[in-house]
Amino acid sequence: MALEVTVKTAGDVPIPDHSFEAERNQYHSTKILKELVRGAPPDSLKVLGVIEKDLCIPILTFVYGEAQLNGIGALVSLARLRQEFYGAQPDDDIFRERLHKEALHELGHTFGLIHCSLVECLMYLSNTILDVDRKGRAFCRHCQRALNSKIEPGRVSKWTGR
């Protein structure tokens, strides 16, 4: 799955001090996402933040990422996507595959997509790293159709499957 758009990198964005949850040794993703969106250039179609820190929200032990449903902001954590987090040897191919899936999953939310019940779909909810590994690299036909209906003509040249 590829989203063909103009991409601009903003460099490092400071992590808000108030986002650290000391009792959990994690960072509150919603607080970081709000700051990410607040600092986004006004002409941004979507903003994707990628962070090394382990993320959480109050009702979940951890999250791989978070996004604004129908908004512009999405955030993905690299921490639990790495094999090393689970005591295994580093594997760049697995890491890149997981990042690819989770980044597109979170960006899908920004286009209004909700979780899908099909395990092969990128919009399938991942509660464990095995869920991330099991899901496919593309959106199912239903989610792809919904996504295509949300893309503003002219802003995105094409959204293609692979």
N, C-alpha and C. Protein backbone atom coordinates (compact mmCIF):
# COMPACT_ATOMS: atom_id res chain seq x y z
N MET A 1 0.84 -1.17 0.00
CA MET A 1 0.00 0.00 0.00
C MET A 1 0.88 1.22 0.00
N ALA A 2 0.62 2.15 -0.88
CA ALA A 2 1.41 3.37 -0.94
C ALA A 2 0.47 4.56 -1.06
N LEU A 3 0.79 5.59 -0.37
CA LEU A 3 0.05 6.85 -0.45
C LEU A 3 0.98 7.82 -1.13
N GLU A 4 0.65 8.24 -2.32
CA GLU A 4 1.52 9.13 -3.07
C GLU A 4 1.10 10.57 -2.85
N VAL A 5 1.87 11.24 -2.02
CA VAL A 5 1.65 12.65 -1.71
C VAL A 5 3.01 13.31 -1.54
N THR A 6 2.99 14.62 -1.56
CA THR A 6 4.20 15.36 -1.24
C THR A 6 4.43 15.24 0.26
N VAL A 7 5.64 14.89 0.64
CA VAL A 7 5.96 14.71 2.05
C VAL A 7 7.00 15.74 2.46
N LYS A 8 6.78 16.35 3.58
CA LYS A 8 7.75 17.28 4.15
C LYS A 8 8.11 16.76 5.53
N THR A 9 9.38 16.76 5.84
CA THR A 9 9.79 16.36 7.18
C THR A 9 10.04 17.61 8.00
N ALA A 10 9.60 17.54 9.24
CA ALA A 10 9.69 18.71 10.11
C ALA A 10 10.87 18.61 11.07
N GLY A 11 11.52 17.47 11.10
CA GLY A 11 12.59 17.29 12.06
C GLY A 11 12.03 16.97 13.43
N ASP A 12 12.86 17.10 14.42
CA ASP A 12 12.44 16.76 15.78
C ASP A 12 11.44 17.76 16.33
N VAL A 13 10.42 17.24 16.93
CA VAL A 13 9.42 18.05 17.64
C VAL A 13 9.55 17.67 19.11
N PRO A 14 9.66 18.64 20.00
CA PRO A 14 9.83 18.29 21.41
C PRO A 14 8.64 17.52 21.97
N ILE A 15 8.94 16.54 22.80
CA ILE A 15 7.90 15.78 23.48
C ILE A 15 7.47 16.59 24.71
N PRO A 16 6.19 16.88 24.84
CA PRO A 16 5.76 17.68 25.99
C PRO A 16 6.06 16.98 27.32
N ASP A 17 6.66 17.72 28.24
CA ASP A 17 7.00 17.16 29.56
C ASP A 17 5.78 16.57 30.25
N HIS A 18 4.63 17.23 30.10
CA HIS A 18 3.42 16.79 30.79
C HIS A 18 2.84 15.48 30.22
N SER A 19 3.43 14.97 29.14
CA SER A 19 2.93 13.72 28.56
C SER A 19 3.52 12.48 29.23
N PHE A 20 4.57 12.65 30.02
CA PHE A 20 5.20 11.49 30.67
C PHE A 20 4.36 11.02 31.85
N GLU A 21 4.03 9.73 31.85
CA GLU A 21 3.28 9.10 32.93
C GLU A 21 4.28 8.31 33.78
N ALA A 22 4.81 8.95 34.82
CA ALA A 22 5.90 8.37 35.62
C ALA A 22 5.54 7.02 36.22
N GLU A 23 4.32 6.86 36.71
CA GLU A 23 3.93 5.59 37.34
C GLU A 23 3.88 4.44 36.34
N ARG A 24 3.77 4.75 35.06
CA ARG A 24 3.74 3.72 34.01
C ARG A 24 5.03 3.66 33.21
N ASN A 25 5.87 4.67 33.35
CA ASN A 25 7.09 4.81 32.56
C ASN A 25 6.77 4.80 31.07
N GLN A 26 5.69 5.49 30.71
CA GLN A 26 5.24 5.60 29.33
C GLN A 26 4.80 7.05 29.08
N TYR A 27 4.47 7.31 27.83
CA TYR A 27 4.04 8.65 27.44
C TYR A 27 2.59 8.60 26.98
N HIS A 28 1.82 9.58 27.39
CA HIS A 28 0.40 9.68 27.05
C HIS A 28 0.29 10.16 25.60
N SER A 29 -0.13 9.28 24.74
CA SER A 29 -0.14 9.56 23.30
C SER A 29 -1.05 10.73 22.92
N THR A 30 -2.17 10.88 23.58
CA THR A 30 -3.12 11.95 23.23
C THR A 30 -2.48 13.32 23.45
N LYS A 31 -1.74 13.46 24.52
CA LYS A 31 -1.09 14.74 24.82
C LYS A 31 -0.03 15.08 23.77
N ILE A 32 0.70 14.07 23.33
CA ILE A 32 1.71 14.29 22.29
C ILE A 32 1.03 14.60 20.96
N LEU A 33 -0.02 13.88 20.64
CA LEU A 33 -0.75 14.09 19.39
C LEU A 33 -1.30 15.51 19.30
N LYS A 34 -1.83 16.01 20.41
CA LYS A 34 -2.35 17.39 20.42
C LYS A 34 -1.27 18.40 20.09
N GLU A 35 -0.07 18.21 20.65
CA GLU A 35 1.05 19.12 20.38
C GLU A 35 1.51 18.98 18.93
N LEU A 36 1.52 17.78 18.42
CA LEU A 36 1.91 17.53 17.04
C LEU A 36 0.99 18.27 16.08
N VAL A 37 -0.30 18.17 16.32
CA VAL A 37 -1.29 18.83 15.47
C VAL A 37 -1.20 20.35 15.62
N ARG A 38 -1.01 20.82 16.83
CA ARG A 38 -0.90 22.26 17.08
C ARG A 38 0.25 22.87 16.30
N GLY A 39 1.34 22.12 16.14
CA GLY A 39 2.51 22.63 15.43
C GLY A 39 2.53 22.34 13.94
N ALA A 40 1.48 21.72 13.42
CA ALA A 40 1.45 21.35 12.00
C ALA A 40 1.31 22.59 11.12
N PRO A 41 2.01 22.61 9.99
CA PRO A 41 1.83 23.72 9.04
C PRO A 41 0.37 23.80 8.60
N PRO A 42 -0.15 25.00 8.38
CA PRO A 42 -1.57 25.16 8.04
C PRO A 42 -2.00 24.45 6.75
N ASP A 43 -1.06 24.20 5.84
CA ASP A 43 -1.42 23.54 4.57
C ASP A 43 -1.30 22.02 4.64
N SER A 44 -1.11 21.47 5.84
CA SER A 44 -0.94 20.02 5.98
C SER A 44 -2.22 19.27 5.68
N LEU A 45 -2.11 18.26 4.82
CA LEU A 45 -3.23 17.35 4.59
C LEU A 45 -3.34 16.41 5.78
N LYS A 46 -2.21 15.81 6.17
CA LYS A 46 -2.12 14.93 7.32
C LYS A 46 -0.74 15.11 7.94
N VAL A 47 -0.65 14.80 9.22
CA VAL A 47 0.62 14.88 9.94
C VAL A 47 0.82 13.54 10.64
N LEU A 48 1.98 12.93 10.41
CA LEU A 48 2.32 11.67 11.05
C LEU A 48 3.56 11.87 11.90
N GLY A 49 3.41 11.69 13.20
CA GLY A 49 4.55 11.74 14.10
C GLY A 49 5.02 10.33 14.38
N VAL A 50 6.34 10.16 14.42
CA VAL A 50 6.93 8.87 14.73
C VAL A 50 7.83 9.09 15.94
N ILE A 51 7.62 8.28 16.98
CA ILE A 51 8.29 8.50 18.25
C ILE A 51 8.91 7.20 18.76
N GLU A 52 10.04 7.31 19.39
CA GLU A 52 10.71 6.13 19.97
C GLU A 52 10.07 5.70 21.28
N LYS A 53 9.39 6.59 21.96
CA LYS A 53 8.86 6.33 23.31
C LYS A 53 7.69 5.35 23.28
N ASP A 54 7.56 4.59 24.37
CA ASP A 54 6.42 3.69 24.56
C ASP A 54 5.20 4.53 24.92
N LEU A 55 4.09 4.28 24.26
CA LEU A 55 2.89 5.10 24.41
C LEU A 55 1.78 4.36 25.16
N CYS A 56 0.94 5.16 25.82
CA CYS A 56 -0.24 4.61 26.50
C CYS A 56 -1.35 5.64 26.46
N ILE A 57 -2.54 5.17 26.78
CA ILE A 57 -3.67 6.03 27.10
C ILE A 57 -4.25 5.46 28.40
N PRO A 58 -5.00 6.26 29.14
CA PRO A 58 -5.46 5.79 30.46
C PRO A 58 -6.17 4.44 30.47
N ILE A 59 -6.95 4.12 29.44
CA ILE A 59 -7.74 2.89 29.49
C ILE A 59 -7.03 1.67 28.91
N LEU A 60 -5.83 1.86 28.34
CA LEU A 60 -5.09 0.73 27.76
C LEU A 60 -3.67 0.68 28.31
N THR A 61 -3.14 -0.52 28.44
CA THR A 61 -1.79 -0.73 28.93
C THR A 61 -0.76 -0.07 28.02
N PHE A 62 -0.99 -0.14 26.72
CA PHE A 62 -0.11 0.50 25.73
C PHE A 62 -0.90 0.68 24.44
N VAL A 63 -0.36 1.52 23.56
CA VAL A 63 -0.89 1.66 22.21
C VAL A 63 0.29 1.71 21.24
N TYR A 64 0.10 1.15 20.06
CA TYR A 64 1.12 1.26 19.01
C TYR A 64 1.09 2.64 18.39
N GLY A 65 -0.06 3.28 18.49
CA GLY A 65 -0.21 4.61 17.94
C GLY A 65 -1.59 5.15 18.26
N GLU A 66 -1.81 6.35 17.82
CA GLU A 66 -3.11 7.00 18.02
C GLU A 66 -3.32 7.97 16.88
N ALA A 67 -4.57 8.21 16.52
CA ALA A 67 -4.88 9.15 15.46
C ALA A 67 -6.20 9.85 15.76
N GLN A 68 -6.36 10.98 15.13
CA GLN A 68 -7.62 11.71 15.21
C GLN A 68 -8.54 11.18 14.12
N LEU A 69 -9.67 10.63 14.51
CA LEU A 69 -10.62 10.15 13.52
C LEU A 69 -11.14 11.34 12.71
N ASN A 70 -10.95 11.29 11.40
CA ASN A 70 -11.32 12.39 10.50
C ASN A 70 -10.55 13.68 10.78
N GLY A 71 -9.41 13.56 11.43
CA GLY A 71 -8.59 14.74 11.71
C GLY A 71 -7.34 14.73 10.86
N ILE A 72 -6.34 15.53 11.27
CA ILE A 72 -5.11 15.54 10.48
C ILE A 72 -3.98 14.78 11.15
N GLY A 73 -4.09 14.52 12.46
CA GLY A 73 -2.95 14.01 13.19
C GLY A 73 -2.95 12.53 13.46
N ALA A 74 -1.76 11.93 13.34
CA ALA A 74 -1.54 10.53 13.67
C ALA A 74 -0.16 10.40 14.29
N LEU A 75 -0.03 9.44 15.19
CA LEU A 75 1.21 9.22 15.92
C LEU A 75 1.47 7.72 16.00
N VAL A 76 2.72 7.30 15.77
CA VAL A 76 3.11 5.90 15.86
C VAL A 76 4.35 5.79 16.74
N SER A 77 4.33 4.81 17.63
CA SER A 77 5.48 4.52 18.48
C SER A 77 6.31 3.39 17.88
N LEU A 78 7.61 3.57 17.88
CA LEU A 78 8.52 2.53 17.39
C LEU A 78 8.85 1.50 18.46
N ALA A 79 8.65 1.85 19.72
CA ALA A 79 9.13 1.04 20.84
C ALA A 79 8.72 -0.43 20.75
N ARG A 80 7.45 -0.71 20.62
CA ARG A 80 6.96 -2.09 20.63
C ARG A 80 6.96 -2.74 19.25
N LEU A 81 7.40 -2.00 18.24
CA LEU A 81 7.50 -2.57 16.90
C LEU A 81 8.84 -3.26 16.68
N ARG A 82 9.77 -2.99 17.55
CA ARG A 82 11.11 -3.58 17.45
C ARG A 82 11.14 -4.97 18.08
N GLN A 83 11.84 -5.89 17.44
CA GLN A 83 12.00 -7.24 17.97
C GLN A 83 12.66 -7.23 19.35
N GLU A 84 13.57 -6.30 19.57
CA GLU A 84 14.31 -6.22 20.82
C GLU A 84 13.39 -6.02 22.02
N PHE A 85 12.25 -5.37 21.80
CA PHE A 85 11.31 -5.15 22.90
C PHE A 85 10.84 -6.48 23.48
N TYR A 86 10.78 -7.50 22.65
CA TYR A 86 10.29 -8.82 23.04
C TYR A 86 11.43 -9.81 23.33
N GLY A 87 12.66 -9.28 23.44
CA GLY A 87 13.79 -10.12 23.78
C GLY A 87 14.39 -10.86 22.61
N ALA A 88 14.00 -10.52 21.40
CA ALA A 88 14.53 -11.18 20.20
C ALA A 88 15.63 -10.33 19.57
N GLN A 89 16.34 -10.92 18.63
CA GLN A 89 17.38 -10.21 17.90
C GLN A 89 16.75 -9.15 16.98
N PRO A 90 17.42 -8.04 16.79
CA PRO A 90 16.91 -7.02 15.87
C PRO A 90 16.69 -7.59 14.47
N ASP A 91 15.64 -7.13 13.81
CA ASP A 91 15.35 -7.55 12.44
C ASP A 91 14.76 -6.35 11.72
N ASP A 92 15.58 -5.71 10.90
CA ASP A 92 15.15 -4.48 10.22
C ASP A 92 13.96 -4.70 9.29
N ASP A 93 13.90 -5.86 8.64
CA ASP A 93 12.79 -6.12 7.71
C ASP A 93 11.46 -6.22 8.48
N ILE A 94 11.45 -6.95 9.58
CA ILE A 94 10.23 -7.06 10.39
C ILE A 94 9.84 -5.70 10.95
N PHE A 95 10.83 -4.97 11.43
CA PHE A 95 10.58 -3.64 11.99
C PHE A 95 9.95 -2.71 10.94
N ARG A 96 10.52 -2.65 9.75
CA ARG A 96 9.98 -1.78 8.69
C ARG A 96 8.56 -2.20 8.29
N GLU A 97 8.33 -3.51 8.22
CA GLU A 97 6.99 -4.02 7.88
C GLU A 97 5.97 -3.58 8.92
N ARG A 98 6.31 -3.71 10.18
CA ARG A 98 5.41 -3.30 11.26
C ARG A 98 5.15 -1.80 11.22
N LEU A 99 6.20 -1.03 11.02
CA LEU A 99 6.04 0.43 10.96
C LEU A 99 5.15 0.81 9.79
N HIS A 100 5.37 0.19 8.65
CA HIS A 100 4.55 0.44 7.46
C HIS A 100 3.06 0.20 7.77
N LYS A 101 2.78 -0.94 8.38
CA LYS A 101 1.39 -1.29 8.69
C LYS A 101 0.77 -0.31 9.69
N GLU A 102 1.50 -0.02 10.75
CA GLU A 102 0.92 0.84 11.79
C GLU A 102 0.79 2.29 11.33
N ALA A 103 1.72 2.78 10.53
CA ALA A 103 1.62 4.14 10.01
C ALA A 103 0.39 4.27 9.10
N LEU A 104 0.21 3.31 8.19
CA LEU A 104 -0.96 3.37 7.31
C LEU A 104 -2.26 3.15 8.09
N HIS A 105 -2.22 2.31 9.11
CA HIS A 105 -3.40 2.10 9.96
C HIS A 105 -3.82 3.42 10.61
N GLU A 106 -2.86 4.10 11.23
CA GLU A 106 -3.19 5.37 11.90
C GLU A 106 -3.61 6.44 10.90
N LEU A 107 -2.94 6.51 9.77
CA LEU A 107 -3.37 7.46 8.74
C LEU A 107 -4.77 7.12 8.22
N GLY A 108 -5.09 5.83 8.16
CA GLY A 108 -6.45 5.44 7.78
C GLY A 108 -7.50 6.05 8.69
N HIS A 109 -7.21 6.08 9.99
CA HIS A 109 -8.13 6.73 10.94
C HIS A 109 -8.32 8.21 10.61
N THR A 110 -7.24 8.88 10.20
CA THR A 110 -7.37 10.31 9.89
C THR A 110 -8.28 10.54 8.69
N PHE A 111 -8.42 9.53 7.85
CA PHE A 111 -9.34 9.60 6.72
C PHE A 111 -10.73 9.07 7.08
N GLY A 112 -10.96 8.79 8.35
CA GLY A 112 -12.28 8.38 8.81
C GLY A 112 -12.51 6.89 8.91
N LEU A 113 -11.50 6.08 8.62
CA LEU A 113 -11.67 4.63 8.72
C LEU A 113 -11.67 4.18 10.17
N ILE A 114 -12.52 3.24 10.48
CA ILE A 114 -12.57 2.65 11.82
C ILE A 114 -11.99 1.24 11.74
N HIS A 115 -11.88 0.57 12.87
CA HIS A 115 -11.31 -0.78 12.88
C HIS A 115 -12.17 -1.74 12.07
N CYS A 116 -11.50 -2.64 11.39
CA CYS A 116 -12.13 -3.61 10.51
C CYS A 116 -12.06 -5.00 11.17
N SER A 117 -13.03 -5.82 10.91
CA SER A 117 -13.05 -7.17 11.50
C SER A 117 -12.23 -8.18 10.70
N LEU A 118 -11.75 -7.80 9.53
CA LEU A 118 -10.98 -8.73 8.69
C LEU A 118 -9.51 -8.66 9.08
N VAL A 119 -8.95 -9.78 9.52
CA VAL A 119 -7.58 -9.82 10.01
C VAL A 119 -6.56 -9.43 8.93
N GLU A 120 -6.90 -9.63 7.69
CA GLU A 120 -5.96 -9.29 6.62
C GLU A 120 -5.95 -7.80 6.27
N CYS A 121 -6.86 -7.03 6.83
CA CYS A 121 -6.97 -5.60 6.53
C CYS A 121 -6.05 -4.78 7.43
N LEU A 122 -5.45 -3.75 6.88
CA LEU A 122 -4.61 -2.84 7.67
C LEU A 122 -5.38 -2.18 8.81
N MET A 123 -6.69 -2.09 8.69
CA MET A 123 -7.48 -1.43 9.73
C MET A 123 -7.91 -2.38 10.84
N TYR A 124 -7.43 -3.61 10.80
CA TYR A 124 -7.70 -4.56 11.87
C TYR A 124 -7.05 -4.05 13.15
N LEU A 125 -7.75 -4.16 14.27
CA LEU A 125 -7.24 -3.70 15.56
C LEU A 125 -6.13 -4.64 16.04
N SER A 126 -4.99 -4.06 16.37
CA SER A 126 -3.86 -4.84 16.86
C SER A 126 -3.73 -4.67 18.37
N ASN A 127 -4.03 -5.73 19.10
CA ASN A 127 -3.86 -5.73 20.55
C ASN A 127 -2.51 -6.30 20.96
N THR A 128 -1.88 -7.05 20.07
CA THR A 128 -0.57 -7.65 20.34
C THR A 128 0.30 -7.51 19.10
N ILE A 129 1.59 -7.74 19.27
CA ILE A 129 2.49 -7.67 18.12
C ILE A 129 2.17 -8.78 17.13
N LEU A 130 1.64 -9.90 17.60
CA LEU A 130 1.23 -10.98 16.68
C LEU A 130 0.09 -10.51 15.78
N ASP A 131 -0.80 -9.67 16.31
CA ASP A 131 -1.87 -9.09 15.48
C ASP A 131 -1.28 -8.21 14.39
N VAL A 132 -0.27 -7.42 14.74
CA VAL A 132 0.39 -6.56 13.75
C VAL A 132 1.00 -7.43 12.66
N ASP A 133 1.71 -8.47 13.07
CA ASP A 133 2.38 -9.34 12.10
C ASP A 133 1.39 -10.11 11.23
N ARG A 134 0.25 -10.46 11.78
CA ARG A 134 -0.74 -11.28 11.07
C ARG A 134 -1.52 -10.48 10.03
N LYS A 135 -1.76 -9.20 10.32
CA LYS A 135 -2.58 -8.46 9.36
C LYS A 135 -1.83 -8.20 8.07
N GLY A 136 -2.59 -7.96 7.04
CA GLY A 136 -2.00 -7.78 5.72
C GLY A 136 -1.34 -6.42 5.54
N ARG A 137 -0.85 -6.19 4.34
CA ARG A 137 -0.15 -4.95 4.01
C ARG A 137 -1.05 -3.97 3.27
N ALA A 138 -2.33 -4.32 3.12
CA ALA A 138 -3.24 -3.48 2.35
C ALA A 138 -4.58 -3.39 3.05
N PHE A 139 -5.36 -2.42 2.63
CA PHE A 139 -6.73 -2.30 3.13
C PHE A 139 -7.61 -3.31 2.39
N CYS A 140 -8.61 -3.83 3.07
CA CYS A 140 -9.58 -4.70 2.40
C CYS A 140 -10.37 -3.85 1.39
N ARG A 141 -11.12 -4.50 0.55
CA ARG A 141 -11.88 -3.77 -0.48
C ARG A 141 -12.83 -2.75 0.12
N HIS A 142 -13.50 -3.12 1.21
CA HIS A 142 -14.45 -2.19 1.85
C HIS A 142 -13.72 -0.95 2.38
N CYS A 143 -12.64 -1.15 3.10
CA CYS A 143 -11.89 -0.03 3.67
C CYS A 143 -11.24 0.80 2.57
N GLN A 144 -10.73 0.13 1.53
CA GLN A 144 -10.13 0.85 0.40
C GLN A 144 -11.16 1.75 -0.28
N ARG A 145 -12.36 1.22 -0.47
CA ARG A 145 -13.44 2.00 -1.10
C ARG A 145 -13.79 3.20 -0.23
N ALA A 146 -13.91 2.98 1.08
CA ALA A 146 -14.21 4.07 2.01
C ALA A 146 -13.10 5.12 1.99
N LEU A 147 -11.87 4.66 1.95
CA LEU A 147 -10.73 5.56 1.91
C LEU A 147 -10.74 6.39 0.63
N ASN A 148 -10.94 5.74 -0.50
CA ASN A 148 -10.95 6.45 -1.78
C ASN A 148 -12.03 7.52 -1.81
N SER A 149 -13.15 7.27 -1.13
CA SER A 149 -14.24 8.26 -1.13
C SER A 149 -13.90 9.48 -0.27
N LYS A 150 -12.90 9.35 0.61
CA LYS A 150 -12.52 10.45 1.51
C LYS A 150 -11.37 11.29 0.98
N ILE A 151 -10.64 10.76 0.02
CA ILE A 151 -9.46 11.48 -0.48
C ILE A 151 -9.90 12.62 -1.38
N GLU A 152 -9.40 13.77 -1.04
CA GLU A 152 -9.73 14.99 -1.78
C GLU A 152 -9.04 14.95 -3.15
N PRO A 153 -9.80 15.01 -4.23
CA PRO A 153 -9.18 14.98 -5.56
C PRO A 153 -8.17 16.12 -5.70
N GLY A 154 -7.02 15.79 -6.29
CA GLY A 154 -6.00 16.81 -6.50
C GLY A 154 -4.98 16.88 -5.39
N ARG A 155 -5.34 16.52 -4.16
CA ARG A 155 -4.39 16.55 -3.04
C ARG A 155 -3.57 15.27 -2.99
N VAL A 156 -4.19 14.17 -3.38
CA VAL A 156 -3.53 12.88 -3.35
C VAL A 156 -3.58 12.32 -4.76
N SER A 157 -2.43 11.99 -5.32
CA SER A 157 -2.44 11.55 -6.71
C SER A 157 -3.02 10.15 -6.87
N LYS A 158 -2.65 9.24 -5.99
CA LYS A 158 -3.28 7.93 -6.02
C LYS A 158 -2.92 7.15 -4.77
N TRP A 159 -3.77 6.23 -4.43
CA TRP A 159 -3.63 5.36 -3.25
C TRP A 159 -3.67 3.97 -3.83
N THR A 160 -2.54 3.28 -3.90
CA THR A 160 -2.48 2.02 -4.62
C THR A 160 -2.16 0.85 -3.72
N GLY A 161 -2.62 -0.32 -4.10
CA GLY A 161 -2.35 -1.53 -3.34
C GLY A 161 -1.17 -2.29 -3.91
N ARG A 162 -0.53 -3.07 -3.06
CA ARG A 162 0.60 -3.89 -3.49
C ARG A 162 0.54 -5.22 -2.84
